[in-house]
Structure formats: structure tokens, C-alpha cells
Amino acid sequence: MKIFTSIVERDLDTNFYVGYIPGFKGAHSQGKTLDELKENIREVIEMLLEDENIIFDREFVGTQQIVV
């Protein structure tokens, strides 16, 4: 079992949730609800993991808040 961190945003034009896995090319999806997005991203990850030539070019570290 592998654990991935997903970045999630909400598109204000469509009200869809959009998510992606940092550093995992092609690992992105969308959904009307957070649960739908989670399931959609899980399916994409499973398909991508079938390819044995996966290259991770970044590692998720965290988030920062910037005060301006």
C-alpha cells in the first residue's frame, strides 16, 4: 500500500473540486464532491501505477501561509 498527498482546489467557475498529486505526472482529476474527487484520483493513481516506468520528479513537503 502506498500513501499519496493530494492538493485540492475548487474551481469557482464550475464548482468542481480539482486535485493532483505533486510530482506524479498525470495524477490529477476532478469531481463534483470531495468524495467523488477522492475516488476519481484513486482510480487514476491505480492506472498510473500499472506502468513500471513511473518517475517522480518532486516530493510533497508541506504548505506555507504567506502574510502580505
C-alpha atoms as a PDB file:
ATOM      1  CA  MET A   1       0.000   0.000   0.000  1.00  0.00           C
ATOM      2  CA  LYS A   2       1.254   3.492  -0.851  1.00  0.00           C
ATOM      3  CA  ILE A   3       0.031   6.804   0.519  1.00  0.00           C
ATOM      4  CA  PHE A   4      -0.077   9.911  -1.665  1.00  0.00           C
ATOM      5  CA  THR A   5      -0.855  13.505  -0.713  1.00  0.00           C
ATOM      6  CA  SER A   6      -3.354  15.267  -2.952  1.00  0.00           C
ATOM      7  CA  ILE A   7      -3.594  19.025  -3.433  1.00  0.00           C
ATOM      8  CA  VAL A   8      -7.253  20.027  -3.752  1.00  0.00           C
ATOM      9  CA  GLU A   9      -8.733  23.257  -5.058  1.00  0.00           C
ATOM     10  CA  ARG A  10     -12.265  24.287  -6.018  1.00  0.00           C
ATOM     11  CA  ASP A  11     -12.849  25.772  -9.467  1.00  0.00           C
ATOM     12  CA  LEU A  12     -15.031  28.840  -8.877  1.00  0.00           C
ATOM     13  CA  ASP A  13     -16.467  28.742 -12.411  1.00  0.00           C
ATOM     14  CA  THR A  14     -17.661  25.119 -12.325  1.00  0.00           C
ATOM     15  CA  ASN A  15     -17.769  24.491  -8.544  1.00  0.00           C
ATOM     16  CA  PHE A  16     -15.911  21.232  -9.218  1.00  0.00           C
ATOM     17  CA  TYR A  17     -13.116  20.102  -6.945  1.00  0.00           C
ATOM     18  CA  VAL A  18      -9.797  19.620  -8.740  1.00  0.00           C
ATOM     19  CA  GLY A  19      -6.968  17.588  -7.295  1.00  0.00           C
ATOM     20  CA  TYR A  20      -3.475  16.484  -8.219  1.00  0.00           C
ATOM     21  CA  ILE A  21      -0.558  14.609  -6.711  1.00  0.00           C
ATOM     22  CA  PRO A  22       2.598  16.786  -6.657  1.00  0.00           C
ATOM     23  CA  GLY A  23       5.458  15.229  -8.586  1.00  0.00           C
ATOM     24  CA  PHE A  24       3.295  12.450 -10.082  1.00  0.00           C
ATOM     25  CA  LYS A  25       2.806  13.289 -13.750  1.00  0.00           C
ATOM     26  CA  GLY A  26      -0.715  12.573 -14.941  1.00  0.00           C
ATOM     27  CA  ALA A  27      -2.139  12.091 -11.444  1.00  0.00           C
ATOM     28  CA  HIS A  28      -4.942  14.627 -11.497  1.00  0.00           C
ATOM     29  CA  SER A  29      -8.716  14.556 -11.655  1.00  0.00           C
ATOM     30  CA  GLN A  30     -11.890  16.381 -10.675  1.00  0.00           C
ATOM     31  CA  GLY A  31     -15.226  15.685  -9.021  1.00  0.00           C
ATOM     32  CA  LYS A  32     -18.482  17.337  -8.013  1.00  0.00           C
ATOM     33  CA  THR A  33     -17.852  16.370  -4.381  1.00  0.00           C
ATOM     34  CA  LEU A  34     -14.726  15.708  -2.335  1.00  0.00           C
ATOM     35  CA  ASP A  35     -15.675  12.030  -2.117  1.00  0.00           C
ATOM     36  CA  GLU A  36     -16.072  11.809  -5.902  1.00  0.00           C
ATOM     37  CA  LEU A  37     -12.727  13.554  -6.405  1.00  0.00           C
ATOM     38  CA  LYS A  38     -11.013  11.165  -3.975  1.00  0.00           C
ATOM     39  CA  GLU A  39     -12.384   8.121  -5.804  1.00  0.00           C
ATOM     40  CA  ASN A  40     -11.501   9.580  -9.230  1.00  0.00           C
ATOM     41  CA  ILE A  41      -7.918  10.332  -8.173  1.00  0.00           C
ATOM     42  CA  ARG A  42      -7.598   6.863  -6.632  1.00  0.00           C
ATOM     43  CA  GLU A  43      -8.624   5.304  -9.976  1.00  0.00           C
ATOM     44  CA  VAL A  44      -6.116   7.462 -11.872  1.00  0.00           C
ATOM     45  CA  ILE A  45      -3.308   6.535  -9.469  1.00  0.00           C
ATOM     46  CA  GLU A  46      -4.118   2.831  -9.775  1.00  0.00           C
ATOM     47  CA  MET A  47      -3.942   3.073 -13.584  1.00  0.00           C
ATOM     48  CA  LEU A  48      -0.675   5.026 -13.490  1.00  0.00           C
ATOM     49  CA  LEU A  49       0.924   2.583 -11.037  1.00  0.00           C
ATOM     50  CA  GLU A  50       0.407  -0.225 -13.557  1.00  0.00           C
ATOM     51  CA  ASP A  51       3.186   1.419 -15.591  1.00  0.00           C
ATOM     52  CA  GLU A  52       6.519   0.269 -14.175  1.00  0.00           C
ATOM     53  CA  ASN A  53       8.396   3.307 -15.592  1.00  0.00           C
ATOM     54  CA  ILE A  54       6.999   5.885 -13.171  1.00  0.00           C
ATOM     55  CA  ILE A  55       9.333   8.793 -12.495  1.00  0.00           C
ATOM     56  CA  PHE A  56       8.655  11.027  -9.505  1.00  0.00           C
ATOM     57  CA  ASP A  57      10.325  14.387 -10.075  1.00  0.00           C
ATOM     58  CA  ARG A  58       9.189  16.132  -6.865  1.00  0.00           C
ATOM     59  CA  GLU A  59       8.315  15.281  -3.290  1.00  0.00           C
ATOM     60  CA  PHE A  60       5.487  16.919  -1.333  1.00  0.00           C
ATOM     61  CA  VAL A  61       6.914  18.802   1.630  1.00  0.00           C
ATOM     62  CA  GLY A  62       4.061  20.879   3.004  1.00  0.00           C
ATOM     63  CA  THR A  63       2.236  24.159   2.720  1.00  0.00           C
ATOM     64  CA  GLN A  64       3.086  27.669   3.821  1.00  0.00           C
ATOM     65  CA  GLN A  65       0.984  30.692   4.632  1.00  0.00           C
ATOM     66  CA  ILE A  66       2.356  33.983   3.362  1.00  0.00           C
ATOM     67  CA  VAL A  67       1.283  37.212   5.053  1.00  0.00           C
ATOM     68  CA  VAL A  68       1.386  40.310   2.847  1.00  0.00           C
END
